[in-house]
């Protein structure tokens, strides 16, 4: 399936815990739970004299509650086929999941 950045963002924004989704970075999280959505890189898929790009994305989930992290990871898995790496950030007391995958991403239509 081919996605737009907006489709992914909208899906993540409708998460079961109603957490805010940050694209790239956030200035102040105030100790709350969060979801980050970021594009990490692109690879060329060559064909004929042209090509297309596979876009690699990372969705980072960080919660203070273990069960909430699992709920959100399962929510992401319903939409995207992701590889998940789990960790515990002891310094910040967060349960973290980094969900990564490569997708075909089409450009957004700009309205003027």
Protein backbone atom coordinates (compact mmCIF):
# COMPACT_ATOMS: atom_id res chain seq x y z
CA UNK A 1 0.00 0.00 0.00
CA UNK A 2 1.10 3.57 -0.66
CA UNK A 3 0.64 6.11 2.13
CA UNK A 4 0.83 9.86 2.58
CA UNK A 5 2.43 11.42 5.63
CA UNK A 6 -0.99 12.86 6.47
CA UNK A 7 -2.67 9.44 6.44
CA UNK A 8 -0.12 8.04 8.87
CA UNK A 9 -0.31 11.11 11.12
CA UNK A 10 -4.14 11.00 11.16
CA UNK A 11 -4.17 7.31 12.06
CA UNK A 12 -1.67 7.84 14.88
CA UNK A 13 -3.67 10.84 16.14
CA UNK A 14 -6.74 8.64 16.56
CA UNK A 15 -4.88 6.38 19.00
CA UNK A 16 -6.89 4.75 21.82
CA UNK A 17 -5.20 6.87 24.53
CA UNK A 18 -5.75 10.17 22.66
CA UNK A 19 -2.06 11.04 22.94
CA UNK A 20 -0.69 13.91 20.92
CA UNK A 21 1.50 12.93 17.97
CA UNK A 22 4.69 14.91 17.35
CA UNK A 23 6.35 14.99 13.94
CA UNK A 24 10.11 15.11 14.30
CA UNK A 25 10.60 16.69 17.73
CA UNK A 26 8.76 18.34 20.60
CA UNK A 27 9.94 21.17 22.81
CA UNK A 28 8.32 20.22 26.11
CA UNK A 29 6.59 16.95 26.96
CA UNK A 30 5.79 17.88 30.56
CA UNK A 31 6.41 14.30 31.72
CA UNK A 32 3.47 12.87 29.75
CA UNK A 33 3.19 9.92 27.39
CA UNK A 34 3.89 10.58 23.74
CA UNK A 35 4.13 9.32 20.17
CA UNK A 36 6.76 10.57 17.72
CA UNK A 37 6.52 10.09 13.96
CA UNK A 38 9.69 10.62 11.95
CA UNK A 39 11.09 9.87 8.49
CA UNK A 40 14.56 8.38 8.91
CA UNK A 41 15.77 7.94 5.30
CA UNK A 42 14.86 7.04 1.73
CA UNK A 43 16.28 4.46 -0.67
CA UNK A 44 15.99 4.48 -4.44
CA UNK A 45 14.15 1.59 -6.08
CA UNK A 46 15.48 1.61 -9.66
CA UNK A 47 13.40 0.66 -12.66
CA UNK A 48 13.91 1.47 -16.36
CA UNK A 49 15.40 4.96 -16.61
CA UNK A 50 13.53 6.21 -13.55
CA UNK A 51 12.95 5.14 -10.00
CA UNK A 52 10.81 5.41 -6.93
CA UNK A 53 11.74 5.86 -3.31
CA UNK A 54 11.10 3.61 -0.38
CA UNK A 55 10.70 5.82 2.68
CA UNK A 56 11.75 4.50 6.08
CA UNK A 57 9.77 5.73 9.05
CA UNK A 58 10.05 5.40 12.79
CA UNK A 59 7.17 5.69 15.22
CA UNK A 60 8.44 6.04 18.77
CA UNK A 61 6.04 5.34 21.63
CA UNK A 62 7.03 6.34 25.15
CA UNK A 63 4.69 5.77 28.10
CA UNK A 64 5.00 5.69 31.86
CA UNK A 65 2.80 2.57 31.91
CA UNK A 66 3.89 -0.79 30.44
CA UNK A 67 0.35 -1.82 29.40
CA UNK A 68 -0.25 1.49 27.61
CA UNK A 69 2.91 0.98 25.56
CA UNK A 70 1.70 -2.46 24.48
CA UNK A 71 -1.76 -1.10 23.64
CA UNK A 72 -0.24 1.55 21.37
CA UNK A 73 2.21 -0.85 19.71
CA UNK A 74 -0.66 -3.18 18.84
CA UNK A 75 -2.57 -0.19 17.47
CA UNK A 76 0.35 0.69 15.18
CA UNK A 77 0.70 -2.96 14.08
CA UNK A 78 -2.92 -2.93 12.85
CA UNK A 79 -2.01 -0.21 10.34
CA UNK A 80 1.63 -0.88 9.40
CA UNK A 81 3.91 -3.92 9.28
CA UNK A 82 6.61 -2.73 11.65
CA UNK A 83 9.69 -4.09 13.36
CA UNK A 84 9.58 -3.18 17.05
CA UNK A 85 12.48 -2.62 19.44
CA UNK A 86 11.62 -2.29 23.13
CA UNK A 87 13.61 -0.59 25.87
CA UNK A 88 13.18 0.89 29.31
CA UNK A 89 14.57 4.39 29.85
CA UNK A 90 15.36 4.13 33.56
CA UNK A 91 16.55 7.74 33.83
CA UNK A 92 13.21 9.03 32.57
CA UNK A 93 11.01 6.14 33.79
CA UNK A 94 9.55 5.49 30.34
CA UNK A 95 8.70 2.27 28.55
CA UNK A 96 9.79 2.85 24.95
CA UNK A 97 8.94 1.10 21.70
CA UNK A 98 10.57 2.05 18.41
CA UNK A 99 8.43 0.86 15.51
CA UNK A 100 10.20 0.95 12.14
CA UNK A 101 9.31 0.05 8.57
CA UNK A 102 9.85 0.94 4.95
CA UNK A 103 6.88 2.16 2.91
CA UNK A 104 6.07 3.77 -0.40
CA UNK A 105 5.01 7.34 0.37
CA UNK A 106 3.22 9.55 -2.12
CA UNK A 107 3.39 13.34 -1.95
CA UNK A 108 0.56 15.26 -0.32
CA UNK A 109 -1.70 17.34 -2.52
CA UNK A 110 -1.21 21.00 -1.65
CA UNK A 111 -4.32 23.16 -1.57
CA UNK A 112 -3.90 26.81 -2.54
